[in-house]
Amino acid sequence: MSQVQDYIKKRAQDSEEFAHLMEVEQAKLDVALKLAELRKSVGLTQKQLAQKIGKPQSTISRVETGELNPSIELVIELAQGLDKKVVLNFE
């Protein structure tokens, strides 16, 4: 485990607030990476996906970089633009 990972683990054990913030950031990163992966797998550019759902390309970019925390409505629109459906899974 790296020093950064060790620090994050220790900090999360010491602070519920920090642990919560890390969980939220990880979820945002997971959405960002999954969106980019799906978009590329169906052969769409950010611009093409944006056109399909009637949003600016910058919206797609901001979601894929984690800069934008998408609403559930936007997640559903993105899924539809990728011919997918949203399946919620709590672990």
Protein backbone atom coordinates (compact mmCIF):
# COMPACT_ATOMS: atom_id res chain seq x y z
CA MET A 1 0.00 0.00 0.00
CA SER A 2 1.34 3.45 -0.87
CA GLN A 3 1.92 6.19 1.67
CA VAL A 4 -1.06 8.09 0.26
CA GLN A 5 -3.31 5.05 0.59
CA ASP A 6 -2.06 4.50 4.14
CA TYR A 7 -2.76 8.13 4.99
CA ILE A 8 -6.27 7.98 3.52
CA LYS A 9 -7.06 4.75 5.35
CA LYS A 10 -5.85 6.12 8.69
CA ARG A 11 -7.61 9.43 8.20
CA ALA A 12 -10.87 7.65 7.29
CA GLN A 13 -10.61 5.54 10.44
CA ASP A 14 -10.10 8.66 12.54
CA SER A 15 -12.81 10.81 10.95
CA GLU A 16 -16.30 9.79 9.85
CA GLU A 17 -16.61 13.04 7.92
CA PHE A 18 -13.40 12.33 5.99
CA ALA A 19 -14.53 8.75 5.32
CA HIS A 20 -17.83 10.06 3.96
CA LEU A 21 -16.11 12.61 1.71
CA MET A 22 -13.80 9.93 0.36
CA GLU A 23 -16.75 7.65 -0.36
CA VAL A 24 -18.53 10.43 -2.27
CA GLU A 25 -15.41 11.25 -4.29
CA GLN A 26 -14.88 7.56 -5.11
CA ALA A 27 -18.47 7.28 -6.33
CA LYS A 28 -18.02 10.36 -8.55
CA LEU A 29 -14.83 8.86 -9.96
CA ASP A 30 -16.59 5.53 -10.59
CA VAL A 31 -19.36 7.30 -12.54
CA ALA A 32 -16.83 9.34 -14.50
CA LEU A 33 -14.74 6.32 -15.47
CA LYS A 34 -17.76 4.18 -16.32
CA LEU A 35 -19.27 6.87 -18.53
CA ALA A 36 -16.03 7.34 -20.45
CA GLU A 37 -15.60 3.57 -20.80
CA LEU A 38 -19.16 3.06 -22.06
CA ARG A 39 -19.03 6.01 -24.43
CA LYS A 40 -15.81 4.76 -25.99
CA SER A 41 -17.09 1.17 -26.19
CA VAL A 42 -20.07 2.25 -28.29
CA GLY A 43 -17.81 4.35 -30.51
CA LEU A 44 -19.12 7.81 -29.64
CA THR A 45 -17.14 10.97 -29.11
CA GLN A 46 -18.10 13.32 -26.31
CA LYS A 47 -19.58 15.66 -28.91
CA GLN A 48 -21.68 12.89 -30.49
CA LEU A 49 -23.06 11.78 -27.12
CA ALA A 50 -23.80 15.38 -26.19
CA GLN A 51 -25.71 15.87 -29.45
CA LYS A 52 -27.73 12.70 -28.83
CA ILE A 53 -28.93 13.96 -25.46
CA GLY A 54 -29.16 17.66 -26.31
CA LYS A 55 -26.42 18.84 -23.96
CA PRO A 56 -23.19 20.74 -24.59
CA GLN A 57 -20.04 18.66 -25.07
CA SER A 58 -18.59 20.40 -22.03
CA THR A 59 -21.21 18.66 -19.87
CA ILE A 60 -19.94 15.25 -20.97
CA SER A 61 -16.36 16.34 -20.40
CA ARG A 62 -17.11 17.70 -16.93
CA VAL A 63 -18.86 14.47 -15.91
CA GLU A 64 -16.02 12.32 -17.29
CA THR A 65 -13.40 14.33 -15.41
CA GLY A 66 -15.38 14.29 -12.18
CA GLU A 67 -15.76 18.06 -12.22
CA LEU A 68 -19.55 17.79 -12.47
CA ASN A 69 -21.57 15.71 -10.06
CA PRO A 70 -24.42 14.62 -12.35
CA SER A 71 -28.02 14.54 -11.21
CA ILE A 72 -29.90 11.27 -11.49
CA GLU A 73 -31.80 12.82 -14.41
CA LEU A 74 -28.55 13.50 -16.25
CA VAL A 75 -27.29 9.98 -15.51
CA ILE A 76 -30.48 8.57 -17.02
CA GLU A 77 -30.15 10.82 -20.09
CA LEU A 78 -26.53 9.73 -20.53
CA ALA A 79 -27.51 6.07 -20.23
CA GLN A 80 -30.25 6.52 -22.82
CA GLY A 81 -27.78 8.25 -25.14
CA LEU A 82 -25.58 5.18 -24.82
CA ASP A 83 -28.54 2.81 -25.36
CA LYS A 84 -28.17 1.58 -21.79
CA LYS A 85 -30.35 1.67 -18.73
CA VAL A 86 -29.39 2.68 -15.22
CA VAL A 87 -29.29 -0.16 -12.70
CA LEU A 88 -28.79 0.89 -9.10
CA ASN A 89 -26.81 -1.48 -6.91
CA PHE A 90 -26.08 -1.03 -3.22
CA GLU A 91 -23.33 -3.20 -1.81
